[in-house]
Amino acid sequence: MISNFFYDVYTVFWRDWVVFKKIFFKFLCSRMITPFLYIFAFGIGLGKNVSVDGGSYLNFLIPGMIALNSMNISFNTIAAPLNMSRIYHHTLETYLISPISGAAFVFGKILSGTVRGLISSVVIVIIAELLGVHLYLGDWFIPILILNCFVFASLAVVAAMTIDSHEEMSSFSTYVLVPMSFLCGTFFKADSFPTVIKGFLSILPLTPASSALRASANKMPIEWYWPVIMFAYFFIFFSYACHLLKMKKEE
């Protein structure tokens, strides 16, 4: 049973990987423009003479950019294609009538989004090294990065299975991802916000990811509840996505 599950996961992942290999360089060019501009505009332009916690602003910004970019890539590379395959192309039915379980399908899609998120993160790490920012990638850094990709790739499956048009998908990104991009500790600390707002922002999934990656990259201890919050989000999104697939199969 377990071997069948992993084989089914591999089947879903491999189909996406075959497609991804054909667009790999286009993916790198199109998906890396935004973080590249953020790093140069904010990190080198505006933040050239800014110091944060005794270090340069670039040292503060880069881990936040890795959290932000892995969120966007893991979500967008799964949500839109899966949504279109469900609504317009109707290729999702191929999986629904196959013996692949809903959990295996969901995890295969999550794994696909995670790999793309990790690849984009490697590019940012390389850019950081070229700019003289040496990140420590040991301890919790890689597990937190993978967990962040898992969280938003699973959210992507939920969004793709519940949103009924491409326009609504764009609205979802505008109302959910964009606010987190700027308010969850990626570009600046949220310490100056009122207590209620700061408390709300602290439980959004990108906030613990940004905080944990930044702490780990600078060899600082991470708070125990940061990965707990992230894992809770992943469990909720994954479980709900599996439920949605099960409902689709029963229709």
C-alpha atoms as a PDB file:
ATOM      1  CA  MET A   1       0.000   0.000   0.000  1.00  0.00           C
ATOM      2  CA  ILE A   2       2.766   2.461   0.957  1.00  0.00           C
ATOM      3  CA  SER A   3       4.815   1.582  -2.121  1.00  0.00           C
ATOM      4  CA  ASN A   4       1.746   2.145  -4.317  1.00  0.00           C
ATOM      5  CA  PHE A   5       1.223   5.553  -2.711  1.00  0.00           C
ATOM      6  CA  PHE A   6       4.769   6.697  -3.427  1.00  0.00           C
ATOM      7  CA  TYR A   7       4.601   5.341  -6.957  1.00  0.00           C
ATOM      8  CA  ASP A   8       1.397   7.326  -7.538  1.00  0.00           C
ATOM      9  CA  VAL A   9       3.052  10.443  -6.108  1.00  0.00           C
ATOM     10  CA  TYR A  10       6.003   9.873  -8.425  1.00  0.00           C
ATOM     11  CA  THR A  11       3.652   9.485 -11.400  1.00  0.00           C
ATOM     12  CA  VAL A  12       1.955  12.838 -10.750  1.00  0.00           C
ATOM     13  CA  PHE A  13       5.267  14.555 -10.037  1.00  0.00           C
ATOM     14  CA  TRP A  14       7.009  13.075 -13.082  1.00  0.00           C
ATOM     15  CA  ARG A  15       4.312  14.317 -15.460  1.00  0.00           C
ATOM     16  CA  ASP A  16       4.811  17.865 -14.150  1.00  0.00           C
ATOM     17  CA  TRP A  17       8.597  17.467 -14.224  1.00  0.00           C
ATOM     18  CA  VAL A  18       8.583  16.442 -17.911  1.00  0.00           C
ATOM     19  CA  VAL A  19       6.635  19.599 -18.722  1.00  0.00           C
ATOM     20  CA  PHE A  20       8.882  21.701 -16.479  1.00  0.00           C
ATOM     21  CA  LYS A  21      12.095  20.540 -18.167  1.00  0.00           C
ATOM     22  CA  LYS A  22      10.821  21.915 -21.483  1.00  0.00           C
ATOM     23  CA  ILE A  23      10.298  25.397 -20.044  1.00  0.00           C
ATOM     24  CA  PHE A  24      13.158  25.434 -17.528  1.00  0.00           C
ATOM     25  CA  PHE A  25      15.100  28.425 -18.862  1.00  0.00           C
ATOM     26  CA  LYS A  26      11.942  30.367 -19.629  1.00  0.00           C
ATOM     27  CA  PHE A  27      10.856  29.639 -16.045  1.00  0.00           C
ATOM     28  CA  LEU A  28      14.104  30.978 -14.615  1.00  0.00           C
ATOM     29  CA  CYS A  29      13.989  34.148 -16.683  1.00  0.00           C
ATOM     30  CA  SER A  30      10.328  34.977 -16.110  1.00  0.00           C
ATOM     31  CA  ARG A  31      10.069  33.988 -12.440  1.00  0.00           C
ATOM     32  CA  MET A  32      13.321  35.580 -11.268  1.00  0.00           C
ATOM     33  CA  ILE A  33      12.821  39.083 -12.649  1.00  0.00           C
ATOM     34  CA  THR A  34      10.703  40.267  -9.703  1.00  0.00           C
ATOM     35  CA  PRO A  35      12.991  39.102  -6.864  1.00  0.00           C
ATOM     36  CA  PHE A  36      16.016  40.296  -8.838  1.00  0.00           C
ATOM     37  CA  LEU A  37      14.506  43.799  -9.080  1.00  0.00           C
ATOM     38  CA  TYR A  38      13.471  43.766  -5.402  1.00  0.00           C
ATOM     39  CA  ILE A  39      17.007  42.905  -4.319  1.00  0.00           C
ATOM     40  CA  PHE A  40      18.614  45.615  -6.439  1.00  0.00           C
ATOM     41  CA  ALA A  41      15.970  48.309  -5.866  1.00  0.00           C
ATOM     42  CA  PHE A  42      15.428  47.824  -2.136  1.00  0.00           C
ATOM     43  CA  GLY A  43      18.591  46.049  -1.050  1.00  0.00           C
ATOM     44  CA  ILE A  44      21.187  48.010  -3.012  1.00  0.00           C
ATOM     45  CA  GLY A  45      19.280  51.143  -3.960  1.00  0.00           C
ATOM     46  CA  LEU A  46      17.204  52.236  -0.975  1.00  0.00           C
ATOM     47  CA  GLY A  47      18.911  50.038   1.596  1.00  0.00           C
ATOM     48  CA  LYS A  48      22.538  50.712   0.700  1.00  0.00           C
ATOM     49  CA  ASN A  49      23.169  52.814   3.815  1.00  0.00           C
ATOM     50  CA  VAL A  50      20.539  51.200   6.046  1.00  0.00           C
ATOM     51  CA  SER A  51      21.536  49.039   9.006  1.00  0.00           C
ATOM     52  CA  VAL A  52      19.211  46.477  10.608  1.00  0.00           C
ATOM     53  CA  ASP A  53      20.138  44.805  13.921  1.00  0.00           C
ATOM     54  CA  GLY A  54      23.737  45.812  13.429  1.00  0.00           C
ATOM     55  CA  GLY A  55      23.997  44.278   9.953  1.00  0.00           C
ATOM     56  CA  SER A  56      23.390  45.464   6.414  1.00  0.00           C
ATOM     57  CA  TYR A  57      19.890  45.683   5.015  1.00  0.00           C
ATOM     58  CA  LEU A  58      20.848  43.141   2.343  1.00  0.00           C
ATOM     59  CA  ASN A  59      21.532  40.574   5.075  1.00  0.00           C
ATOM     60  CA  PHE A  60      18.038  41.287   6.396  1.00  0.00           C
ATOM     61  CA  LEU A  61      16.356  41.351   2.993  1.00  0.00           C
ATOM     62  CA  ILE A  62      17.743  38.229   1.298  1.00  0.00           C
ATOM     63  CA  PRO A  63      16.216  35.619   3.672  1.00  0.00           C
ATOM     64  CA  GLY A  64      12.887  37.439   3.436  1.00  0.00           C
ATOM     65  CA  MET A  65      13.139  37.414  -0.340  1.00  0.00           C
ATOM     66  CA  ILE A  66      13.793  33.662  -0.287  1.00  0.00           C
ATOM     67  CA  ALA A  67      10.656  33.169   1.821  1.00  0.00           C
ATOM     68  CA  LEU A  68       8.647  35.480  -0.444  1.00  0.00           C
ATOM     69  CA  ASN A  69       9.867  34.021  -3.712  1.00  0.00           C
ATOM     70  CA  SER A  70       9.453  30.395  -2.621  1.00  0.00           C
ATOM     71  CA  MET A  71       5.881  31.287  -1.601  1.00  0.00           C
ATOM     72  CA  ASN A  72       5.061  32.854  -4.958  1.00  0.00           C
ATOM     73  CA  ILE A  73       6.713  30.176  -7.081  1.00  0.00           C
ATOM     74  CA  SER A  74       5.298  27.231  -5.129  1.00  0.00           C
ATOM     75  CA  PHE A  75       1.812  28.714  -5.306  1.00  0.00           C
ATOM     76  CA  ASN A  76       1.668  30.158  -8.812  1.00  0.00           C
ATOM     77  CA  THR A  77       3.282  27.243 -10.642  1.00  0.00           C
ATOM     78  CA  ILE A  78       0.590  24.906  -9.278  1.00  0.00           C
ATOM     79  CA  ALA A  79      -2.543  27.014  -8.763  1.00  0.00           C
ATOM     80  CA  ALA A  80      -3.072  28.464 -12.242  1.00  0.00           C
ATOM     81  CA  PRO A  81      -2.216  25.354 -14.323  1.00  0.00           C
ATOM     82  CA  LEU A  82      -4.291  23.050 -12.097  1.00  0.00           C
ATOM     83  CA  ASN A  83      -7.180  25.503 -12.084  1.00  0.00           C
ATOM     84  CA  MET A  84      -7.117  25.709 -15.884  1.00  0.00           C
ATOM     85  CA  SER A  85      -6.888  21.931 -16.230  1.00  0.00           C
ATOM     86  CA  ARG A  86      -9.964  21.609 -14.032  1.00  0.00           C
ATOM     87  CA  ILE A  87     -12.115  24.328 -15.617  1.00  0.00           C
ATOM     88  CA  TYR A  88     -10.997  24.790 -19.213  1.00  0.00           C
ATOM     89  CA  HIS A  89      -8.970  21.799 -20.405  1.00  0.00           C
ATOM     90  CA  HIS A  90     -10.800  19.170 -18.318  1.00  0.00           C
ATOM     91  CA  THR A  91      -7.617  17.108 -18.027  1.00  0.00           C
ATOM     92  CA  LEU A  92      -8.140  16.717 -14.290  1.00  0.00           C
ATOM     93  CA  GLU A  93     -10.737  14.078 -15.096  1.00  0.00           C
ATOM     94  CA  THR A  94      -7.888  11.835 -16.278  1.00  0.00           C
ATOM     95  CA  TYR A  95      -6.608  11.667 -12.717  1.00  0.00           C
ATOM     96  CA  LEU A  96     -10.074  11.397 -11.210  1.00  0.00           C
ATOM     97  CA  ILE A  97     -10.880   8.228 -13.151  1.00  0.00           C
ATOM     98  CA  SER A  98      -7.427   6.721 -12.576  1.00  0.00           C
ATOM     99  CA  PRO A  99      -6.593   4.485  -9.580  1.00  0.00           C
ATOM    100  CA  ILE A 100      -4.388   7.252  -8.131  1.00  0.00           C
ATOM    101  CA  SER A 101      -5.610   8.261  -4.683  1.00  0.00           C
ATOM    102  CA  GLY A 102      -6.523  11.848  -3.893  1.00  0.00           C
ATOM    103  CA  ALA A 103      -3.760  12.087  -1.279  1.00  0.00           C
ATOM    104  CA  ALA A 104      -1.148  10.870  -3.772  1.00  0.00           C
ATOM    105  CA  PHE A 105      -2.346  13.345  -6.398  1.00  0.00           C
ATOM    106  CA  VAL A 106      -2.261  16.248  -3.944  1.00  0.00           C
ATOM    107  CA  PHE A 107       1.167  15.316  -2.591  1.00  0.00           C
ATOM    108  CA  GLY A 108       2.526  14.879  -6.113  1.00  0.00           C
ATOM    109  CA  LYS A 109       1.385  18.399  -7.005  1.00  0.00           C
ATOM    110  CA  ILE A 110       2.813  19.756  -3.747  1.00  0.00           C
ATOM    111  CA  LEU A 111       6.137  18.088  -4.479  1.00  0.00           C
ATOM    112  CA  SER A 112       6.146  19.598  -7.965  1.00  0.00           C
ATOM    113  CA  GLY A 113       5.562  23.113  -6.609  1.00  0.00           C
ATOM    114  CA  THR A 114       8.143  22.575  -3.876  1.00  0.00           C
ATOM    115  CA  VAL A 115      10.891  21.578  -6.314  1.00  0.00           C
ATOM    116  CA  ARG A 116      10.253  24.691  -8.385  1.00  0.00           C
ATOM    117  CA  GLY A 117      10.256  26.842  -5.267  1.00  0.00           C
ATOM    118  CA  LEU A 118      13.571  25.345  -4.179  1.00  0.00           C
ATOM    119  CA  ILE A 119      15.153  25.893  -7.587  1.00  0.00           C
ATOM    120  CA  SER A 120      14.163  29.554  -7.538  1.00  0.00           C
ATOM    121  CA  SER A 121      15.554  29.850  -3.997  1.00  0.00           C
ATOM    122  CA  VAL A 122      18.919  28.475  -5.132  1.00  0.00           C
ATOM    123  CA  VAL A 123      19.088  31.252  -7.719  1.00  0.00           C
ATOM    124  CA  ILE A 124      18.517  33.890  -5.018  1.00  0.00           C
ATOM    125  CA  VAL A 125      21.222  32.320  -2.840  1.00  0.00           C
ATOM    126  CA  ILE A 126      23.628  32.542  -5.803  1.00  0.00           C
ATOM    127  CA  ILE A 127      22.702  36.206  -6.344  1.00  0.00           C
ATOM    128  CA  ALA A 128      23.274  36.847  -2.638  1.00  0.00           C
ATOM    129  CA  GLU A 129      26.737  35.257  -2.812  1.00  0.00           C
ATOM    130  CA  LEU A 130      27.628  37.430  -5.796  1.00  0.00           C
ATOM    131  CA  LEU A 131      26.583  40.476  -3.778  1.00  0.00           C
ATOM    132  CA  GLY A 132      28.715  39.424  -0.834  1.00  0.00           C
ATOM    133  CA  VAL A 133      25.882  38.162   1.383  1.00  0.00           C
ATOM    134  CA  HIS A 134      26.929  34.780   2.773  1.00  0.00           C
ATOM    135  CA  LEU A 135      23.938  32.914   4.175  1.00  0.00           C
ATOM    136  CA  TYR A 136      24.298  30.043   6.603  1.00  0.00           C
ATOM    137  CA  LEU A 137      22.265  27.210   5.089  1.00  0.00           C
ATOM    138  CA  GLY A 138      22.666  24.710   7.905  1.00  0.00           C
ATOM    139  CA  ASP A 139      20.453  23.756  10.861  1.00  0.00           C
ATOM    140  CA  TRP A 140      16.847  24.778  10.236  1.00  0.00           C
ATOM    141  CA  PHE A 141      17.269  26.742   7.013  1.00  0.00           C
ATOM    142  CA  ILE A 142      16.588  23.976   4.461  1.00  0.00           C
ATOM    143  CA  PRO A 143      13.763  22.274   6.470  1.00  0.00           C
ATOM    144  CA  ILE A 144      11.999  25.622   6.967  1.00  0.00           C
ATOM    145  CA  LEU A 145      12.380  26.477   3.280  1.00  0.00           C
ATOM    146  CA  ILE A 146      10.941  23.119   2.224  1.00  0.00           C
ATOM    147  CA  LEU A 147       8.087  23.476   4.720  1.00  0.00           C
ATOM    148  CA  ASN A 148       7.311  26.950   3.363  1.00  0.00           C
ATOM    149  CA  CYS A 149       7.095  25.522  -0.160  1.00  0.00           C
ATOM    150  CA  PHE A 150       4.869  22.715   1.127  1.00  0.00           C
ATOM    151  CA  VAL A 151       2.513  25.202   2.779  1.00  0.00           C
ATOM    152  CA  PHE A 152       1.926  27.345  -0.281  1.00  0.00           C
ATOM    153  CA  ALA A 153       1.915  24.501  -2.801  1.00  0.00           C
ATOM    154  CA  SER A 154      -0.829  22.829  -0.738  1.00  0.00           C
ATOM    155  CA  LEU A 155      -2.696  26.149  -0.587  1.00  0.00           C
ATOM    156  CA  ALA A 156      -2.360  26.292  -4.376  1.00  0.00           C
ATOM    157  CA  VAL A 157      -4.142  22.946  -4.735  1.00  0.00           C
ATOM    158  CA  VAL A 158      -6.958  24.150  -2.473  1.00  0.00           C
ATOM    159  CA  ALA A 159      -7.308  27.388  -4.436  1.00  0.00           C
ATOM    160  CA  ALA A 160      -7.244  25.578  -7.794  1.00  0.00           C
ATOM    161  CA  MET A 161      -9.965  23.172  -6.671  1.00  0.00           C
ATOM    162  CA  THR A 162     -12.296  25.819  -5.220  1.00  0.00           C
ATOM    163  CA  ILE A 163     -11.913  28.883  -7.468  1.00  0.00           C
ATOM    164  CA  ASP A 164     -14.027  28.725 -10.608  1.00  0.00           C
ATOM    165  CA  SER A 165     -12.377  31.188 -12.979  1.00  0.00           C
ATOM    166  CA  HIS A 166      -8.976  32.517 -13.958  1.00  0.00           C
ATOM    167  CA  GLU A 167     -10.057  36.037 -12.984  1.00  0.00           C
ATOM    168  CA  GLU A 168     -10.962  34.923  -9.466  1.00  0.00           C
ATOM    169  CA  MET A 169      -7.601  33.204  -9.171  1.00  0.00           C
ATOM    170  CA  SER A 170      -5.894  36.523  -9.896  1.00  0.00           C
ATOM    171  CA  SER A 171      -8.075  38.170  -7.257  1.00  0.00           C
ATOM    172  CA  PHE A 172      -7.100  35.499  -4.738  1.00  0.00           C
ATOM    173  CA  SER A 173      -3.429  36.284  -5.276  1.00  0.00           C
ATOM    174  CA  THR A 174      -4.135  40.015  -4.964  1.00  0.00           C
ATOM    175  CA  TYR A 175      -6.061  39.709  -1.701  1.00  0.00           C
ATOM    176  CA  VAL A 176      -4.035  36.921  -0.049  1.00  0.00           C
ATOM    177  CA  LEU A 177      -0.485  36.672  -1.393  1.00  0.00           C
ATOM    178  CA  VAL A 178       0.275  40.328  -2.109  1.00  0.00           C
ATOM    179  CA  PRO A 179      -0.555  41.607   1.428  1.00  0.00           C
ATOM    180  CA  MET A 180       1.570  38.841   2.958  1.00  0.00           C
ATOM    181  CA  SER A 181       4.395  39.749   0.580  1.00  0.00           C
ATOM    182  CA  PHE A 182       4.732  43.196   2.138  1.00  0.00           C
ATOM    183  CA  LEU A 183       3.471  42.755   5.711  1.00  0.00           C
ATOM    184  CA  CYS A 184       4.999  39.466   6.878  1.00  0.00           C
ATOM    185  CA  GLY A 185       8.508  40.576   7.659  1.00  0.00           C
ATOM    186  CA  THR A 186      10.022  40.270   4.210  1.00  0.00           C
ATOM    187  CA  PHE A 187      11.044  43.896   3.629  1.00  0.00           C
ATOM    188  CA  PHE A 188      10.831  45.333   7.142  1.00  0.00           C
ATOM    189  CA  LYS A 189      10.053  44.354  10.712  1.00  0.00           C
ATOM    190  CA  ALA A 190       6.460  44.547  11.898  1.00  0.00           C
ATOM    191  CA  ASP A 191       7.449  45.827  15.354  1.00  0.00           C
ATOM    192  CA  SER A 192       5.991  49.283  14.756  1.00  0.00           C
ATOM    193  CA  PHE A 193       2.478  48.005  14.037  1.00  0.00           C
ATOM    194  CA  PRO A 194      -0.215  48.129  16.737  1.00  0.00           C
ATOM    195  CA  THR A 195      -0.285  45.060  18.981  1.00  0.00           C
ATOM    196  CA  VAL A 196      -3.474  43.613  17.481  1.00  0.00           C
ATOM    197  CA  ILE A 197      -2.219  43.925  13.898  1.00  0.00           C
ATOM    198  CA  LYS A 198       1.216  42.612  14.856  1.00  0.00           C
ATOM    199  CA  GLY A 199      -0.403  39.608  16.552  1.00  0.00           C
ATOM    200  CA  PHE A 200      -2.509  38.877  13.476  1.00  0.00           C
ATOM    201  CA  LEU A 201       0.470  39.153  11.134  1.00  0.00           C
ATOM    202  CA  SER A 202       2.532  36.849  13.342  1.00  0.00           C
ATOM    203  CA  ILE A 203       0.205  33.897  12.685  1.00  0.00           C
ATOM    204  CA  LEU A 204       0.091  34.292   8.904  1.00  0.00           C
ATOM    205  CA  PRO A 205       2.113  31.504   7.271  1.00  0.00           C
ATOM    206  CA  LEU A 206       4.746  33.709   5.616  1.00  0.00           C
ATOM    207  CA  THR A 207       5.690  35.494   8.858  1.00  0.00           C
ATOM    208  CA  PRO A 208       7.175  32.482  10.690  1.00  0.00           C
ATOM    209  CA  ALA A 209       8.862  31.421   7.446  1.00  0.00           C
ATOM    210  CA  SER A 210      10.556  34.806   7.016  1.00  0.00           C
ATOM    211  CA  SER A 211      11.519  34.980  10.683  1.00  0.00           C
ATOM    212  CA  ALA A 212      12.858  31.421  10.833  1.00  0.00           C
ATOM    213  CA  LEU A 213      14.841  31.686   7.592  1.00  0.00           C
ATOM    214  CA  ARG A 214      16.354  35.000   8.678  1.00  0.00           C
ATOM    215  CA  ALA A 215      17.303  33.665  12.106  1.00  0.00           C
ATOM    216  CA  SER A 216      18.764  30.459  10.701  1.00  0.00           C
ATOM    217  CA  ALA A 217      20.671  32.281   7.930  1.00  0.00           C
ATOM    218  CA  ASN A 218      22.357  34.406  10.604  1.00  0.00           C
ATOM    219  CA  LYS A 219      23.044  31.445  12.954  1.00  0.00           C
ATOM    220  CA  MET A 220      20.465  32.619  15.467  1.00  0.00           C
ATOM    221  CA  PRO A 221      18.078  30.298  17.351  1.00  0.00           C
ATOM    222  CA  ILE A 222      14.550  30.024  15.978  1.00  0.00           C
ATOM    223  CA  GLU A 223      11.398  30.136  18.071  1.00  0.00           C
ATOM    224  CA  TRP A 224       9.806  26.696  18.541  1.00  0.00           C
ATOM    225  CA  TYR A 225       6.370  27.882  17.446  1.00  0.00           C
ATOM    226  CA  TRP A 226       7.473  29.104  14.000  1.00  0.00           C
ATOM    227  CA  PRO A 227       7.719  25.633  12.400  1.00  0.00           C
ATOM    228  CA  VAL A 228       4.678  24.519  14.431  1.00  0.00           C
ATOM    229  CA  ILE A 229       2.523  27.259  12.871  1.00  0.00           C
ATOM    230  CA  MET A 230       3.803  26.396   9.406  1.00  0.00           C
ATOM    231  CA  PHE A 231       3.203  22.667   9.844  1.00  0.00           C
ATOM    232  CA  ALA A 232      -0.323  23.375  11.121  1.00  0.00           C
ATOM    233  CA  TYR A 233      -1.084  25.344   7.951  1.00  0.00           C
ATOM    234  CA  PHE A 234       0.338  22.566   5.790  1.00  0.00           C
ATOM    235  CA  PHE A 235      -1.712  19.910   7.573  1.00  0.00           C
ATOM    236  CA  ILE A 236      -4.924  21.939   7.217  1.00  0.00           C
ATOM    237  CA  PHE A 237      -4.366  22.760   3.534  1.00  0.00           C
ATOM    238  CA  PHE A 238      -3.258  19.227   2.648  1.00  0.00           C
ATOM    239  CA  SER A 239      -6.204  17.629   4.452  1.00  0.00           C
ATOM    240  CA  TYR A 240      -8.701  19.979   2.845  1.00  0.00           C
ATOM    241  CA  ALA A 241      -7.188  19.465  -0.611  1.00  0.00           C
ATOM    242  CA  CYS A 242      -7.495  15.690  -0.174  1.00  0.00           C
ATOM    243  CA  HIS A 243     -11.113  16.173   0.880  1.00  0.00           C
ATOM    244  CA  LEU A 244     -11.814  18.250  -2.224  1.00  0.00           C
ATOM    245  CA  LEU A 245     -10.287  15.578  -4.487  1.00  0.00           C
ATOM    246  CA  LYS A 246     -12.348  12.899  -2.760  1.00  0.00           C
ATOM    247  CA  MET A 247     -15.525  14.910  -3.366  1.00  0.00           C
ATOM    248  CA  LYS A 248     -14.584  15.355  -7.022  1.00  0.00           C
ATOM    249  CA  LYS A 249     -14.053  11.620  -7.443  1.00  0.00           C
ATOM    250  CA  GLU A 250     -17.472  10.908  -5.949  1.00  0.00           C
ATOM    251  CA  GLU A 251     -19.320  13.318  -8.253  1.00  0.00           C
END
